[in-house]
Amino acid sequence: MTSIKLISILILTISLFFLGCVEEKPAGTPVPTPTMTVMPTVVPTLTPTPVPTQTREAKLYISDVDDMYGFYKVIVRNGSAPYSNHTLTINSGDTVKWVNNAERYSITVVSREGLWNNSTSTMRYMFRYFNYTFDKPGEYEVYIDKYPKLSHQKIIVNP
């Protein structure tokens, strides 16, 4: 039994010896580990360029009317207008001005669609006029009240 005690003391002493012999490594200056910095991606925001809206200026069409030829000529203030077969093509918002060129007679311009009161469209003397602004697209027909057999004037209004 004494030998077991002796062996156990010996093992314990040797193990303590080895435990005390563990060498600590000196702490050196730490070397920084390179890290990658991610920069945020900047995406430019595009604002749409506003498209300028063209405002169309309303035109004035002057239609000469008489008792012999009816609606024989149309001119446009600041421009020209194709006028053939008594058909006038205009845009919404344009105005037609009918001028009496009859030397001795009054002329009343009548709208087949009833756009105006016929008493307001009576031009009693030469160079008197009546005008109307067409606001709604469509096809309209006008004629001279006392001379319905003369060619009627067709007005096509575009939007």
N, C-alpha and C. Protein backbone atom coordinates (compact mmCIF):
# COMPACT_ATOMS: atom_id res chain seq x y z
N MET A 1 0.79 -1.14 0.00
CA MET A 1 0.00 0.00 0.00
C MET A 1 0.86 1.24 0.00
N THR A 2 1.91 1.12 0.59
CA THR A 2 2.81 2.24 0.55
C THR A 2 3.33 2.47 -0.86
N SER A 3 3.45 1.42 -1.58
CA SER A 3 3.92 1.61 -2.96
C SER A 3 2.86 2.30 -3.81
N ILE A 4 1.59 2.06 -3.55
CA ILE A 4 0.53 2.72 -4.32
C ILE A 4 0.53 4.19 -3.96
N LYS A 5 0.75 4.50 -2.72
CA LYS A 5 0.77 5.89 -2.31
C LYS A 5 1.95 6.60 -2.97
N LEU A 6 3.04 5.91 -2.99
CA LEU A 6 4.22 6.50 -3.56
C LEU A 6 4.06 6.73 -5.05
N ILE A 7 3.47 5.81 -5.72
CA ILE A 7 3.28 5.96 -7.17
C ILE A 7 2.29 7.09 -7.43
N SER A 8 1.26 7.18 -6.63
CA SER A 8 0.29 8.25 -6.89
C SER A 8 0.89 9.62 -6.60
N ILE A 9 1.76 9.73 -5.59
CA ILE A 9 2.40 11.02 -5.33
C ILE A 9 3.34 11.36 -6.47
N LEU A 10 4.01 10.36 -6.95
CA LEU A 10 4.93 10.59 -8.06
C LEU A 10 4.18 11.06 -9.30
N ILE A 11 3.08 10.46 -9.61
CA ILE A 11 2.30 10.85 -10.79
C ILE A 11 1.77 12.27 -10.60
N LEU A 12 1.35 12.57 -9.41
CA LEU A 12 0.82 13.90 -9.15
C LEU A 12 1.92 14.95 -9.27
N THR A 13 3.09 14.67 -8.80
CA THR A 13 4.20 15.61 -8.88
C THR A 13 4.61 15.83 -10.32
N ILE A 14 4.69 14.78 -11.07
CA ILE A 14 5.11 14.91 -12.49
C ILE A 14 4.06 15.70 -13.26
N SER A 15 2.80 15.44 -12.98
CA SER A 15 1.78 16.16 -13.72
C SER A 15 1.79 17.64 -13.37
N LEU A 16 2.07 17.97 -12.09
CA LEU A 16 2.14 19.38 -11.74
C LEU A 16 3.36 20.04 -12.40
N PHE A 17 4.41 19.26 -12.48
CA PHE A 17 5.59 19.78 -13.14
C PHE A 17 5.30 20.14 -14.59
N PHE A 18 4.63 19.23 -15.28
CA PHE A 18 4.33 19.50 -16.68
C PHE A 18 3.32 20.63 -16.85
N LEU A 19 2.43 20.74 -15.90
CA LEU A 19 1.48 21.84 -15.98
C LEU A 19 2.18 23.18 -15.80
N GLY A 20 3.12 23.26 -15.00
CA GLY A 20 3.85 24.50 -14.79
C GLY A 20 4.79 24.82 -15.92
N CYS A 21 5.13 23.85 -16.76
CA CYS A 21 6.06 24.06 -17.86
C CYS A 21 5.38 24.54 -19.12
N VAL A 22 4.12 24.74 -19.08
CA VAL A 22 3.44 25.20 -20.29
C VAL A 22 3.90 26.61 -20.55
N GLU A 23 4.42 26.81 -21.71
CA GLU A 23 5.00 28.10 -22.07
C GLU A 23 3.93 29.00 -22.66
N GLU A 24 3.88 30.21 -22.15
CA GLU A 24 2.95 31.18 -22.71
C GLU A 24 3.66 31.91 -23.81
N LYS A 25 2.96 32.09 -24.90
CA LYS A 25 3.56 32.81 -26.01
C LYS A 25 3.41 34.30 -25.75
N PRO A 26 4.44 35.05 -26.01
CA PRO A 26 4.32 36.49 -25.77
C PRO A 26 3.34 37.11 -26.76
N ALA A 27 2.57 38.04 -26.25
CA ALA A 27 1.60 38.72 -27.11
C ALA A 27 2.34 39.75 -27.92
N GLY A 28 2.26 39.61 -29.21
CA GLY A 28 2.92 40.56 -30.10
C GLY A 28 1.95 41.65 -30.54
N THR A 29 2.40 42.53 -31.39
CA THR A 29 1.53 43.58 -31.93
C THR A 29 0.57 42.94 -32.91
N PRO A 30 -0.68 43.12 -32.65
CA PRO A 30 -1.63 42.46 -33.55
C PRO A 30 -1.56 43.04 -34.95
N VAL A 31 -1.61 42.20 -35.91
CA VAL A 31 -1.60 42.62 -37.32
C VAL A 31 -3.06 42.76 -37.76
N PRO A 32 -3.42 43.95 -38.22
CA PRO A 32 -4.83 44.11 -38.61
C PRO A 32 -5.17 43.27 -39.83
N THR A 33 -6.31 42.71 -39.76
CA THR A 33 -6.80 41.92 -40.88
C THR A 33 -7.48 42.88 -41.85
N PRO A 34 -7.08 42.86 -43.11
CA PRO A 34 -7.72 43.80 -44.05
C PRO A 34 -9.21 43.45 -44.20
N THR A 35 -10.02 44.49 -44.08
CA THR A 35 -11.46 44.31 -44.26
C THR A 35 -11.89 45.11 -45.48
N MET A 36 -12.85 44.59 -46.16
CA MET A 36 -13.32 45.23 -47.37
C MET A 36 -14.53 46.11 -47.01
N THR A 37 -14.43 47.40 -47.33
CA THR A 37 -15.53 48.31 -47.07
C THR A 37 -16.38 48.41 -48.32
N VAL A 38 -17.66 48.15 -48.17
CA VAL A 38 -18.56 48.20 -49.32
C VAL A 38 -19.21 49.58 -49.34
N MET A 39 -18.98 50.29 -50.43
CA MET A 39 -19.58 51.61 -50.60
C MET A 39 -20.97 51.42 -51.20
N PRO A 40 -21.95 52.17 -50.73
CA PRO A 40 -23.30 52.02 -51.29
C PRO A 40 -23.32 52.52 -52.73
N THR A 41 -24.04 51.82 -53.56
CA THR A 41 -24.18 52.21 -54.96
C THR A 41 -25.23 53.30 -55.06
N VAL A 42 -24.85 54.40 -55.67
CA VAL A 42 -25.79 55.52 -55.83
C VAL A 42 -26.39 55.43 -57.22
N VAL A 43 -27.68 55.26 -57.27
CA VAL A 43 -28.38 55.21 -58.55
C VAL A 43 -29.05 56.56 -58.77
N PRO A 44 -28.64 57.28 -59.80
CA PRO A 44 -29.26 58.59 -60.01
C PRO A 44 -30.72 58.44 -60.40
N THR A 45 -31.53 59.29 -59.83
CA THR A 45 -32.95 59.25 -60.19
C THR A 45 -33.16 60.23 -61.33
N LEU A 46 -33.81 59.76 -62.34
CA LEU A 46 -34.07 60.59 -63.51
C LEU A 46 -35.46 61.19 -63.40
N THR A 47 -35.51 62.48 -63.49
CA THR A 47 -36.82 63.13 -63.52
C THR A 47 -37.14 63.41 -64.98
N PRO A 48 -38.34 63.04 -65.40
CA PRO A 48 -38.67 63.23 -66.81
C PRO A 48 -38.72 64.72 -67.15
N THR A 49 -38.22 65.02 -68.32
CA THR A 49 -38.26 66.39 -68.79
C THR A 49 -39.68 66.68 -69.25
N PRO A 50 -40.29 67.72 -68.71
CA PRO A 50 -41.67 67.99 -69.13
C PRO A 50 -41.72 68.41 -70.59
N VAL A 51 -42.70 67.86 -71.27
CA VAL A 51 -42.89 68.18 -72.67
C VAL A 51 -43.75 69.43 -72.74
N PRO A 52 -43.25 70.46 -73.38
CA PRO A 52 -44.06 71.68 -73.44
C PRO A 52 -45.31 71.43 -74.28
N THR A 53 -46.42 71.85 -73.74
CA THR A 53 -47.66 71.71 -74.49
C THR A 53 -47.82 72.92 -75.39
N GLN A 54 -48.09 72.62 -76.60
CA GLN A 54 -48.29 73.71 -77.54
C GLN A 54 -49.73 74.16 -77.45
N THR A 55 -49.86 75.42 -77.19
CA THR A 55 -51.21 75.96 -77.16
C THR A 55 -51.50 76.51 -78.54
N ARG A 56 -52.57 76.01 -79.09
CA ARG A 56 -52.95 76.44 -80.42
C ARG A 56 -53.79 77.69 -80.29
N GLU A 57 -53.43 78.66 -81.06
CA GLU A 57 -54.17 79.91 -81.04
C GLU A 57 -55.40 79.76 -81.94
N ALA A 58 -56.53 80.15 -81.41
CA ALA A 58 -57.77 80.05 -82.18
C ALA A 58 -57.69 80.98 -83.39
N LYS A 59 -58.24 80.52 -84.50
CA LYS A 59 -58.19 81.30 -85.73
C LYS A 59 -59.56 81.90 -86.03
N LEU A 60 -59.52 82.96 -86.81
CA LEU A 60 -60.74 83.62 -87.26
C LEU A 60 -60.84 83.43 -88.77
N TYR A 61 -61.94 82.81 -89.20
CA TYR A 61 -62.21 82.58 -90.63
C TYR A 61 -63.29 83.57 -91.06
N ILE A 62 -63.02 84.30 -92.11
CA ILE A 62 -63.98 85.29 -92.59
C ILE A 62 -64.57 84.77 -93.90
N SER A 63 -65.89 84.58 -93.89
CA SER A 63 -66.61 84.02 -95.04
C SER A 63 -67.46 85.12 -95.66
N ASP A 64 -67.18 85.41 -96.92
CA ASP A 64 -67.98 86.41 -97.65
C ASP A 64 -69.25 85.75 -98.17
N VAL A 65 -70.37 86.44 -97.99
CA VAL A 65 -71.68 85.90 -98.38
C VAL A 65 -72.41 86.97 -99.18
N ASP A 66 -73.04 86.56 -100.28
CA ASP A 66 -73.93 87.50 -100.98
C ASP A 66 -75.13 86.75 -101.57
N ASP A 67 -76.04 87.51 -102.17
CA ASP A 67 -77.29 86.93 -102.67
C ASP A 67 -77.15 86.23 -104.01
N MET A 68 -76.03 86.40 -104.67
CA MET A 68 -75.86 85.77 -105.99
C MET A 68 -75.00 84.51 -105.93
N TYR A 69 -73.94 84.55 -105.13
CA TYR A 69 -73.00 83.44 -105.10
C TYR A 69 -73.01 82.66 -103.78
N GLY A 70 -73.72 83.15 -102.82
CA GLY A 70 -73.77 82.47 -101.52
C GLY A 70 -72.45 82.60 -100.78
N PHE A 71 -71.95 81.50 -100.31
CA PHE A 71 -70.70 81.46 -99.53
C PHE A 71 -69.55 81.26 -100.52
N TYR A 72 -69.07 82.34 -101.09
CA TYR A 72 -68.14 82.19 -102.21
C TYR A 72 -66.67 82.28 -101.85
N LYS A 73 -66.32 82.84 -100.72
CA LYS A 73 -64.89 82.99 -100.41
C LYS A 73 -64.70 82.94 -98.90
N VAL A 74 -63.59 82.34 -98.47
CA VAL A 74 -63.22 82.32 -97.06
C VAL A 74 -61.75 82.70 -96.96
N ILE A 75 -61.46 83.62 -96.05
CA ILE A 75 -60.06 83.96 -95.77
C ILE A 75 -59.83 83.73 -94.29
N VAL A 76 -58.57 83.55 -93.93
CA VAL A 76 -58.21 83.31 -92.53
C VAL A 76 -57.32 84.45 -92.08
N ARG A 77 -57.64 84.98 -90.93
CA ARG A 77 -56.79 86.01 -90.36
C ARG A 77 -55.47 85.35 -90.00
N ASN A 78 -54.34 85.85 -90.46
CA ASN A 78 -52.99 85.31 -90.21
C ASN A 78 -52.82 83.90 -90.76
N GLY A 79 -53.20 83.68 -91.97
CA GLY A 79 -52.99 82.36 -92.56
C GLY A 79 -53.87 82.16 -93.78
N SER A 80 -53.98 80.93 -94.18
CA SER A 80 -54.84 80.61 -95.31
C SER A 80 -55.61 79.34 -94.98
N ALA A 81 -56.72 79.17 -95.68
CA ALA A 81 -57.54 77.98 -95.44
C ALA A 81 -57.95 77.40 -96.77
N PRO A 82 -57.82 76.09 -96.92
CA PRO A 82 -58.34 75.48 -98.14
C PRO A 82 -59.87 75.54 -98.10
N TYR A 83 -60.43 76.09 -99.15
CA TYR A 83 -61.89 76.22 -99.20
C TYR A 83 -62.31 75.84 -100.61
N SER A 84 -62.90 74.65 -100.72
CA SER A 84 -63.40 74.22 -102.02
C SER A 84 -64.70 73.47 -101.81
N ASN A 85 -65.55 73.52 -102.81
CA ASN A 85 -66.87 72.87 -102.74
C ASN A 85 -67.67 73.34 -101.52
N HIS A 86 -67.46 74.58 -101.15
CA HIS A 86 -68.17 75.19 -100.02
C HIS A 86 -67.96 74.42 -98.73
N THR A 87 -66.79 73.81 -98.58
CA THR A 87 -66.45 73.06 -97.36
C THR A 87 -65.27 73.72 -96.68
N LEU A 88 -65.44 73.99 -95.39
CA LEU A 88 -64.40 74.63 -94.60
C LEU A 88 -64.05 73.70 -93.44
N THR A 89 -62.77 73.38 -93.29
CA THR A 89 -62.32 72.54 -92.19
C THR A 89 -61.58 73.41 -91.19
N ILE A 90 -62.06 73.39 -89.93
CA ILE A 90 -61.48 74.21 -88.89
C ILE A 90 -61.23 73.34 -87.66
N ASN A 91 -60.71 73.94 -86.60
CA ASN A 91 -60.48 73.24 -85.34
C ASN A 91 -61.42 73.76 -84.27
N SER A 92 -61.65 72.94 -83.27
CA SER A 92 -62.50 73.34 -82.16
C SER A 92 -61.93 74.60 -81.52
N GLY A 93 -62.78 75.56 -81.26
CA GLY A 93 -62.35 76.84 -80.68
C GLY A 93 -62.17 77.93 -81.72
N ASP A 94 -62.20 77.58 -83.01
CA ASP A 94 -62.07 78.59 -84.07
C ASP A 94 -63.41 79.29 -84.29
N THR A 95 -63.33 80.49 -84.86
CA THR A 95 -64.51 81.31 -85.10
C THR A 95 -64.68 81.55 -86.59
N VAL A 96 -65.93 81.47 -87.04
CA VAL A 96 -66.25 81.82 -88.43
C VAL A 96 -67.06 83.11 -88.38
N LYS A 97 -66.65 84.04 -89.21
CA LYS A 97 -67.33 85.34 -89.29
C LYS A 97 -67.90 85.47 -90.70
N TRP A 98 -69.23 85.56 -90.79
CA TRP A 98 -69.88 85.72 -92.09
C TRP A 98 -70.13 87.20 -92.32
N VAL A 99 -69.72 87.71 -93.49
CA VAL A 99 -69.85 89.13 -93.82
C VAL A 99 -70.80 89.27 -94.99
N ASN A 100 -71.79 90.15 -94.86
CA ASN A 100 -72.77 90.41 -95.92
C ASN A 100 -72.12 91.27 -96.99
N ASN A 101 -72.00 90.73 -98.20
CA ASN A 101 -71.48 91.49 -99.33
C ASN A 101 -72.56 91.78 -100.37
N ALA A 102 -73.82 91.55 -100.01
CA ALA A 102 -74.93 91.87 -100.91
C ALA A 102 -75.17 93.37 -100.87
N GLU A 103 -75.29 93.98 -102.04
CA GLU A 103 -75.42 95.43 -102.09
C GLU A 103 -76.78 95.93 -101.59
N ARG A 104 -77.84 95.18 -101.84
CA ARG A 104 -79.16 95.71 -101.52
C ARG A 104 -80.00 94.82 -100.63
N TYR A 105 -79.52 93.71 -100.20
CA TYR A 105 -80.37 92.76 -99.49
C TYR A 105 -79.79 92.40 -98.13
N SER A 106 -80.70 92.11 -97.22
CA SER A 106 -80.25 91.57 -95.94
C SER A 106 -80.06 90.06 -96.11
N ILE A 107 -79.17 89.53 -95.34
CA ILE A 107 -78.87 88.09 -95.42
C ILE A 107 -78.91 87.52 -94.00
N THR A 108 -79.57 86.37 -93.88
CA THR A 108 -79.60 85.66 -92.60
C THR A 108 -78.92 84.31 -92.78
N VAL A 109 -77.88 84.08 -91.99
CA VAL A 109 -77.17 82.80 -92.03
C VAL A 109 -77.85 81.88 -91.02
N VAL A 110 -78.28 80.70 -91.51
CA VAL A 110 -79.03 79.76 -90.69
C VAL A 110 -78.20 78.49 -90.48
N SER A 111 -78.20 77.99 -89.25
CA SER A 111 -77.53 76.72 -88.94
C SER A 111 -78.58 75.61 -89.01
N ARG A 112 -78.31 74.61 -89.83
CA ARG A 112 -79.23 73.47 -89.93
C ARG A 112 -79.36 72.77 -88.58
N GLU A 113 -78.30 72.80 -87.79
CA GLU A 113 -78.29 72.14 -86.48
C GLU A 113 -78.87 73.04 -85.37
N GLY A 114 -79.26 74.27 -85.70
CA GLY A 114 -79.83 75.18 -84.71
C GLY A 114 -78.83 75.69 -83.68
N LEU A 115 -77.62 75.98 -84.12
CA LEU A 115 -76.58 76.42 -83.19
C LEU A 115 -76.83 77.83 -82.64
N TRP A 116 -77.55 78.66 -83.35
CA TRP A 116 -77.80 80.02 -82.91
C TRP A 116 -79.22 80.45 -83.28
N ASN A 117 -79.62 81.56 -82.71
CA ASN A 117 -80.92 82.16 -82.97
C ASN A 117 -80.84 82.92 -84.31
N ASN A 118 -81.75 82.65 -85.21
CA ASN A 118 -81.67 83.26 -86.55
C ASN A 118 -81.80 84.78 -86.52
N SER A 119 -82.44 85.32 -85.50
CA SER A 119 -82.55 86.78 -85.46
C SER A 119 -81.19 87.43 -85.18
N THR A 120 -80.30 86.72 -84.50
CA THR A 120 -78.97 87.28 -84.24
C THR A 120 -78.05 87.14 -85.45
N SER A 121 -78.40 86.27 -86.37
CA SER A 121 -77.52 86.06 -87.53
C SER A 121 -77.99 86.82 -88.77
N THR A 122 -78.94 87.74 -88.59
CA THR A 122 -79.41 88.54 -89.72
C THR A 122 -78.49 89.75 -89.89
N MET A 123 -77.98 89.88 -91.11
CA MET A 123 -77.10 91.00 -91.45
C MET A 123 -77.87 91.89 -92.42
N ARG A 124 -78.42 93.00 -91.96
CA ARG A 124 -79.35 93.83 -92.73
C ARG A 124 -78.68 94.64 -93.83
N TYR A 125 -77.46 95.03 -93.64
CA TYR A 125 -76.81 95.90 -94.62
C TYR A 125 -75.48 95.30 -95.06
N MET A 126 -74.97 95.88 -96.13
CA MET A 126 -73.67 95.44 -96.67
C MET A 126 -72.58 95.68 -95.61
N PHE A 127 -71.67 94.75 -95.53
CA PHE A 127 -70.52 94.75 -94.61
C PHE A 127 -70.90 94.51 -93.14
N ARG A 128 -72.16 94.22 -92.88
CA ARG A 128 -72.52 93.78 -91.53
C ARG A 128 -72.06 92.33 -91.39
N TYR A 129 -71.87 91.89 -90.18
CA TYR A 129 -71.34 90.53 -90.01
C TYR A 129 -72.00 89.84 -88.82
N PHE A 130 -71.84 88.54 -88.82
CA PHE A 130 -72.26 87.68 -87.72
C PHE A 130 -71.16 86.64 -87.54
N ASN A 131 -70.80 86.36 -86.28
CA ASN A 131 -69.76 85.34 -86.07
C ASN A 131 -70.21 84.33 -85.03
N TYR A 132 -69.60 83.15 -85.12
CA TYR A 132 -69.90 82.06 -84.20
C TYR A 132 -68.63 81.26 -83.96
N THR A 133 -68.38 80.92 -82.68
CA THR A 133 -67.23 80.10 -82.31
C THR A 133 -67.68 78.65 -82.16
N PHE A 134 -67.04 77.76 -82.91
CA PHE A 134 -67.39 76.34 -82.89
C PHE A 134 -66.53 75.65 -81.82
N ASP A 135 -67.20 75.22 -80.73
CA ASP A 135 -66.49 74.60 -79.62
C ASP A 135 -66.54 73.08 -79.63
N LYS A 136 -67.52 72.53 -80.34
CA LYS A 136 -67.68 71.07 -80.34
C LYS A 136 -67.32 70.51 -81.71
N PRO A 137 -66.51 69.42 -81.73
CA PRO A 137 -66.18 68.78 -83.00
C PRO A 137 -67.43 68.21 -83.66
N GLY A 138 -67.40 68.18 -84.98
CA GLY A 138 -68.52 67.61 -85.73
C GLY A 138 -68.62 68.25 -87.10
N GLU A 139 -69.68 67.89 -87.81
CA GLU A 139 -69.95 68.48 -89.12
C GLU A 139 -71.21 69.31 -89.03
N TYR A 140 -71.13 70.53 -89.54
CA TYR A 140 -72.24 71.46 -89.47
C TYR A 140 -72.53 72.00 -90.87
N GLU A 141 -73.77 72.45 -91.04
CA GLU A 141 -74.17 72.98 -92.34
C GLU A 141 -74.91 74.30 -92.11
N VAL A 142 -74.52 75.31 -92.89
CA VAL A 142 -75.19 76.60 -92.81
C VAL A 142 -75.68 76.97 -94.21
N TYR A 143 -76.74 77.78 -94.25
CA TYR A 143 -77.27 78.23 -95.53
C TYR A 143 -77.88 79.61 -95.35
N ILE A 144 -78.23 80.25 -96.47
CA ILE A 144 -78.83 81.58 -96.45
C ILE A 144 -80.34 81.41 -96.44
N ASP A 145 -80.99 82.04 -95.49
CA ASP A 145 -82.42 81.85 -95.26
C ASP A 145 -83.26 82.14 -96.51
N LYS A 146 -83.10 83.28 -97.11
CA LYS A 146 -83.93 83.67 -98.27
C LYS A 146 -83.50 82.99 -99.57
N TYR A 147 -82.35 82.38 -99.57
CA TYR A 147 -81.82 81.77 -100.79
C TYR A 147 -81.38 80.33 -100.49
N PRO A 148 -82.32 79.46 -100.12
CA PRO A 148 -81.93 78.09 -99.74
C PRO A 148 -81.41 77.26 -100.90
N LYS A 149 -81.65 77.71 -102.14
CA LYS A 149 -81.18 76.91 -103.29
C LYS A 149 -79.71 77.18 -103.60
N LEU A 150 -79.16 78.26 -103.08
CA LEU A 150 -77.73 78.49 -103.25
C LEU A 150 -76.98 77.41 -102.46
N SER A 151 -75.78 77.11 -102.88
CA SER A 151 -75.00 76.06 -102.20
C SER A 151 -74.85 76.36 -100.71
N HIS A 152 -75.04 75.32 -99.93
CA HIS A 152 -74.87 75.44 -98.49
C HIS A 152 -73.39 75.35 -98.16
N GLN A 153 -73.02 75.87 -97.01
CA GLN A 153 -71.64 75.81 -96.57
C GLN A 153 -71.52 74.71 -95.51
N LYS A 154 -70.57 73.81 -95.73
CA LYS A 154 -70.32 72.71 -94.79
C LYS A 154 -69.09 73.08 -93.96
N ILE A 155 -69.21 72.96 -92.65
CA ILE A 155 -68.10 73.28 -91.76
C ILE A 155 -67.76 72.02 -90.97
N ILE A 156 -66.52 71.56 -91.13
CA ILE A 156 -66.04 70.38 -90.41
C ILE A 156 -65.15 70.88 -89.29
N VAL A 157 -65.52 70.55 -88.05
CA VAL A 157 -64.76 71.01 -86.87
C VAL A 157 -63.99 69.82 -86.30
N ASN A 158 -62.68 69.91 -86.34
CA ASN A 158 -61.80 68.87 -85.76
C ASN A 158 -61.60 69.14 -84.28
N PRO A 159 -61.29 68.09 -83.50
CA PRO A 159 -61.05 68.32 -82.04
C PRO A 159 -59.80 69.17 -81.81
